PDB file of N, CA and C in Angstrom:
ATOM      1  N   MET A   1     124.808  65.640 100.042  1.00  0.00           N
ATOM      2  CA  MET A   1     124.708  67.327  99.561  1.00  0.00           C
ATOM      3  C   MET A   1     123.928  68.168 101.054  1.00  0.00           C
ATOM      4  N   SER A   2     124.577  69.041 101.619  1.00  0.00           N
ATOM      5  CA  SER A   2     123.952  69.465 102.728  1.00  0.00           C
ATOM      6  C   SER A   2     123.437  70.655 102.824  1.00  0.00           C
ATOM      7  N   LEU A   3     122.585  71.368 103.506  1.00  0.00           N
ATOM      8  CA  LEU A   3     122.070  72.912 103.243  1.00  0.00           C
ATOM      9  C   LEU A   3     122.641  73.643 104.341  1.00  0.00           C
ATOM     10  N   ASP A   4     123.267  74.622 103.702  1.00  0.00           N
ATOM     11  CA  ASP A   4     123.828  75.508 104.507  1.00  0.00           C
ATOM     12  C   ASP A   4     123.275  76.384 105.434  1.00  0.00           C
ATOM     13  N   PRO A   5     123.669  76.429 106.563  1.00  0.00           N
ATOM     14  CA  PRO A   5     122.996  77.155 107.570  1.00  0.00           C
ATOM     15  C   PRO A   5     122.513  78.735 107.123  1.00  0.00           C
ATOM     16  N   HIS A   6     123.479  79.285 106.258  1.00  0.00           N
ATOM     17  CA  HIS A   6     122.825  80.705 106.021  1.00  0.00           C
ATOM     18  C   HIS A   6     121.803  80.852 104.881  1.00  0.00           C
ATOM     19  N   VAL A   7     122.163  79.949 103.926  1.00  0.00           N
ATOM     20  CA  VAL A   7     120.884  79.806 102.952  1.00  0.00           C
ATOM     21  C   VAL A   7     119.612  79.051 103.554  1.00  0.00           C
ATOM     22  N   ALA A   8     119.505  78.462 104.669  1.00  0.00           N
ATOM     23  CA  ALA A   8     118.564  77.946 105.551  1.00  0.00           C
ATOM     24  C   ALA A   8     118.099  78.959 106.041  1.00  0.00           C
ATOM     25  N   VAL A   9     118.475  79.771 106.765  1.00  0.00           N
ATOM     26  CA  VAL A   9     118.015  81.170 107.661  1.00  0.00           C
ATOM     27  C   VAL A   9     117.514  81.968 106.779  1.00  0.00           C
ATOM     28  N   LEU A  10     118.058  82.222 105.554  1.00  0.00           N
ATOM     29  CA  LEU A  10     117.676  83.169 104.237  1.00  0.00           C
ATOM     30  C   LEU A  10     116.422  82.389 104.398  1.00  0.00           C
ATOM     31  N   LEU A  11     115.927  81.388 103.767  1.00  0.00           N
ATOM     32  CA  LEU A  11     114.812  81.041 103.291  1.00  0.00           C
ATOM     33  C   LEU A  11     113.474  80.970 104.204  1.00  0.00           C
ATOM     34  N   LEU A  12     114.295  80.835 105.467  1.00  0.00           N
ATOM     35  CA  LEU A  12     113.129  80.859 106.627  1.00  0.00           C
ATOM     36  C   LEU A  12     112.701  82.141 106.797  1.00  0.00           C
ATOM     37  N   SER A  13     113.456  82.957 106.976  1.00  0.00           N
ATOM     38  CA  SER A  13     113.117  84.226 107.294  1.00  0.00           C
ATOM     39  C   SER A  13     112.303  85.112 105.979  1.00  0.00           C
ATOM     40  N   THR A  14     112.710  84.743 105.012  1.00  0.00           N
ATOM     41  CA  THR A  14     111.942  85.170 103.625  1.00  0.00           C
ATOM     42  C   THR A  14     110.801  84.735 103.717  1.00  0.00           C
ATOM     43  N   THR A  15     110.386  83.502 104.122  1.00  0.00           N
ATOM     44  CA  THR A  15     109.012  82.965 103.998  1.00  0.00           C
ATOM     45  C   THR A  15     108.021  83.444 105.198  1.00  0.00           C
ATOM     46  N   ALA A  16     108.648  83.942 106.229  1.00  0.00           N
ATOM     47  CA  ALA A  16     108.193  84.321 107.238  1.00  0.00           C
ATOM     48  C   ALA A  16     107.674  85.902 107.237  1.00  0.00           C
ATOM     49  N   ALA A  17     108.624  86.440 106.637  1.00  0.00           N
ATOM     50  CA  ALA A  17     108.160  87.860 106.197  1.00  0.00           C
ATOM     51  C   ALA A  17     106.998  87.940 105.399  1.00  0.00           C
ATOM     52  N   GLY A  18     107.266  87.207 104.044  1.00  0.00           N
ATOM     53  CA  GLY A  18     105.845  86.905 103.119  1.00  0.00           C
ATOM     54  C   GLY A  18     104.664  86.450 103.773  1.00  0.00           C
ATOM     55  N   LEU A  19     105.049  85.602 104.750  1.00  0.00           N
ATOM     56  CA  LEU A  19     103.543  85.008 105.454  1.00  0.00           C
ATOM     57  C   LEU A  19     102.824  86.094 106.302  1.00  0.00           C
ATOM     58  N   LEU A  20     103.793  87.166 107.071  1.00  0.00           N
ATOM     59  CA  LEU A  20     103.593  88.155 107.864  1.00  0.00           C
ATOM     60  C   LEU A  20     102.839  89.326 107.203  1.00  0.00           C
ATOM     61  N   MET A  21     103.623  89.388 105.834  1.00  0.00           N
ATOM     62  CA  MET A  21     103.000  90.716 105.239  1.00  0.00           C
ATOM     63  C   MET A  21     101.492  90.481 104.560  1.00  0.00           C
ATOM     64  N   SER A  22     101.521  89.102 104.268  1.00  0.00           N
ATOM     65  CA  SER A  22     100.087  88.568 103.809  1.00  0.00           C
ATOM     66  C   SER A  22      98.643  88.605 104.776  1.00  0.00           C
ATOM     67  N   ILE A  23      99.530  88.386 105.754  1.00  0.00           N
ATOM     68  CA  ILE A  23      98.430  88.395 107.042  1.00  0.00           C
ATOM     69  C   ILE A  23      97.894  89.694 107.162  1.00  0.00           C
ATOM     70  N   ALA A  24      99.062  90.468 107.349  1.00  0.00           N
ATOM     71  CA  ALA A  24      98.458  92.141 107.498  1.00  0.00           C
ATOM     72  C   ALA A  24      97.981  92.583 106.620  1.00  0.00           C
ATOM     73  N   GLY A  25      98.424  92.168 105.183  1.00  0.00           N
ATOM     74  CA  GLY A  25      97.335  92.521 104.026  1.00  0.00           C
ATOM     75  C   GLY A  25      95.934  92.173 104.028  1.00  0.00           C
ATOM     76  N   LEU A  26      95.316  90.946 104.612  1.00  0.00           N
ATOM     77  CA  LEU A  26      94.283  90.502 104.744  1.00  0.00           C
ATOM     78  C   LEU A  26      93.645  90.850 105.470  1.00  0.00           C
ATOM     79  N   ARG A  27      94.288  91.676 106.798  1.00  0.00           N
ATOM     80  CA  ARG A  27      93.598  92.136 108.106  1.00  0.00           C
ATOM     81  C   ARG A  27      93.088  93.671 107.493  1.00  0.00           C
ATOM     82  N   LYS A  28      94.121  94.373 106.979  1.00  0.00           N
ATOM     83  CA  LYS A  28      93.322  95.590 106.643  1.00  0.00           C
ATOM     84  C   LYS A  28      92.805  95.820 105.236  1.00  0.00           C
ATOM     85  N   ASN A  29      92.301  94.890 104.920  1.00  0.00           N
ATOM     86  CA  ASN A  29      91.673  94.687 103.782  1.00  0.00           C
ATOM     87  C   ASN A  29      92.437  95.021 102.595  1.00  0.00           C
ATOM     88  N   GLY A  30      93.413  95.384 102.425  1.00  0.00           N
ATOM     89  CA  GLY A  30      94.100  95.419 101.174  1.00  0.00           C
ATOM     90  C   GLY A  30      94.111  94.583 100.301  1.00  0.00           C
ATOM     91  N   LEU A  31      94.226  93.194 100.777  1.00  0.00           N
ATOM     92  CA  LEU A  31      93.703  91.950 100.184  1.00  0.00           C
ATOM     93  C   LEU A  31      92.596  91.165 100.373  1.00  0.00           C
ATOM     94  N   GLU A  32      91.662  90.890  99.465  1.00  0.00           N
ATOM     95  CA  GLU A  32      90.305  90.210 100.019  1.00  0.00           C
ATOM     96  C   GLU A  32      90.512  88.595  99.598  1.00  0.00           C
ATOM     97  N   TRP A  33      89.525  88.083 100.303  1.00  0.00           N
ATOM     98  CA  TRP A  33      89.448  86.493  99.857  1.00  0.00           C
ATOM     99  C   TRP A  33      88.604  86.356  98.825  1.00  0.00           C
ATOM    100  N   ARG A  34      87.341  87.301  98.557  1.00  0.00           N
ATOM    101  CA  ARG A  34      86.546  87.498  97.644  1.00  0.00           C
ATOM    102  C   ARG A  34      86.276  88.583  97.116  1.00  0.00           C
ATOM    103  N   GLN A  35      85.843  89.094  95.652  1.00  0.00           N
ATOM    104  CA  GLN A  35      85.464  90.267  95.620  1.00  0.00           C
ATOM    105  C   GLN A  35      83.808  90.852  96.136  1.00  0.00           C
ATOM    106  N   ARG A  36      83.930  91.660  96.274  1.00  0.00           N
ATOM    107  CA  ARG A  36      82.938  92.227  97.021  1.00  0.00           C
ATOM    108  C   ARG A  36      81.850  92.558  96.027  1.00  0.00           C
ATOM    109  N   ARG A  37      80.525  92.766  96.426  1.00  0.00           N
ATOM    110  CA  ARG A  37      79.439  93.255  95.448  1.00  0.00           C
ATOM    111  C   ARG A  37      79.768  94.912  95.434  1.00  0.00           C
ATOM    112  N   ARG A  38      79.528  95.283  93.943  1.00  0.00           N
ATOM    113  CA  ARG A  38      79.360  96.932  93.858  1.00  0.00           C
ATOM    114  C   ARG A  38      78.065  97.313  93.550  1.00  0.00           C
ATOM    115  N   ILE A  39      77.998  98.199  93.883  1.00  0.00           N
ATOM    116  CA  ILE A  39      76.512  99.174  93.708  1.00  0.00           C
ATOM    117  C   ILE A  39      76.733 100.425  93.293  1.00  0.00           C
ATOM    118  N   CYS A  40      75.873 100.597  92.330  1.00  0.00           N
ATOM    119  CA  CYS A  40      75.659 101.886  91.884  1.00  0.00           C
ATOM    120  C   CYS A  40      75.382 102.935  93.031  1.00  0.00           C
ATOM    121  N   PRO A  41      75.946 103.869  93.097  1.00  0.00           N
ATOM    122  CA  PRO A  41      75.747 105.154  94.138  1.00  0.00           C
ATOM    123  C   PRO A  41      74.798 105.974  93.830  1.00  0.00           C
ATOM    124  N   SER A  42      74.165 106.000  92.577  1.00  0.00           N
ATOM    125  CA  SER A  42      72.844 106.769  92.254  1.00  0.00           C
ATOM    126  C   SER A  42      71.851 105.963  91.902  1.00  0.00           C
ATOM    127  N   CYS A  43      71.743 104.616  91.439  1.00  0.00           N
ATOM    128  CA  CYS A  43      70.678 104.181  91.662  1.00  0.00           C
ATOM    129  C   CYS A  43      70.115 102.912  92.556  1.00  0.00           C
ATOM    130  N   GLY A  44      71.403 102.479  93.339  1.00  0.00           N
ATOM    131  CA  GLY A  44      71.652 101.479  94.226  1.00  0.00           C
ATOM    132  C   GLY A  44      71.742 100.041  93.709  1.00  0.00           C
ATOM    133  N   ARG A  45      71.704  99.798  92.598  1.00  0.00           N
ATOM    134  CA  ARG A  45      71.505  98.461  91.832  1.00  0.00           C
ATOM    135  C   ARG A  45      72.744  97.767  91.984  1.00  0.00           C
ATOM    136  N   GLU A  46      73.102  96.586  91.671  1.00  0.00           N
ATOM    137  CA  GLU A  46      74.173  95.962  91.885  1.00  0.00           C
ATOM    138  C   GLU A  46      74.963  95.868  90.522  1.00  0.00           C
ATOM    139  N   LEU A  47      76.297  96.426  90.364  1.00  0.00           N
ATOM    140  CA  LEU A  47      76.802  96.433  89.074  1.00  0.00           C
ATOM    141  C   LEU A  47      77.694  95.100  88.580  1.00  0.00           C
ATOM    142  N   ARG A  48      77.078  94.822  87.547  1.00  0.00           N
ATOM    143  CA  ARG A  48      77.675  93.366  87.187  1.00  0.00           C
ATOM    144  C   ARG A  48      78.536  93.690  85.714  1.00  0.00           C
ATOM    145  N   GLY A  49      78.639  95.081  85.383  1.00  0.00           N
ATOM    146  CA  GLY A  49      79.681  94.898  83.825  1.00  0.00           C
ATOM    147  C   GLY A  49      80.632  96.448  84.475  1.00  0.00           C
ATOM    148  N   ARG A  50      81.157  96.996  83.595  1.00  0.00           N
ATOM    149  CA  ARG A  50      81.892  98.096  84.246  1.00  0.00           C
ATOM    150  C   ARG A  50      80.949  99.499  84.581  1.00  0.00           C
ATOM    151  N   ALA A  51      79.887  99.709  83.827  1.00  0.00           N
ATOM    152  CA  ALA A  51      79.070 101.017  84.532  1.00  0.00           C
ATOM    153  C   ALA A  51      77.765 100.565  84.349  1.00  0.00           C
ATOM    154  N   CYS A  52      77.001 101.316  85.219  1.00  0.00           N
ATOM    155  CA  CYS A  52      75.564 101.182  85.507  1.00  0.00           C
ATOM    156  C   CYS A  52      75.038 101.915  84.109  1.00  0.00           C
ATOM    157  N   ALA A  53      73.774 101.345  83.676  1.00  0.00           N
ATOM    158  CA  ALA A  53      72.752 101.854  82.760  1.00  0.00           C
ATOM    159  C   ALA A  53      71.839 103.071  82.886  1.00  0.00           C
ATOM    160  N   CYS A  54      72.172 103.297  84.253  1.00  0.00           N
ATOM    161  CA  CYS A  54      71.088 104.601  84.942  1.00  0.00           C
ATOM    162  C   CYS A  54      71.775 105.861  84.408  1.00  0.00           C
ATOM    163  N   ARG A  55      73.072 105.967  84.080  1.00  0.00           N
ATOM    164  CA  ARG A  55      74.030 107.099  83.854  1.00  0.00           C
ATOM    165  C   ARG A  55      73.816 107.288  82.493  1.00  0.00           C
TER     166      ARG A  55
END
């Protein structure tokens, strides 16, 4: 069983496009490696749940 050249080019181009889109998303911070710390804008404390207790 041999791989058709058209299928090979399709797989390679799709993989390359996905890789480039992932790199672009990481560079513009659309995607993040880890979650950032969330800070309450009114009291300045770190948010651990959904809302701050100061409100």
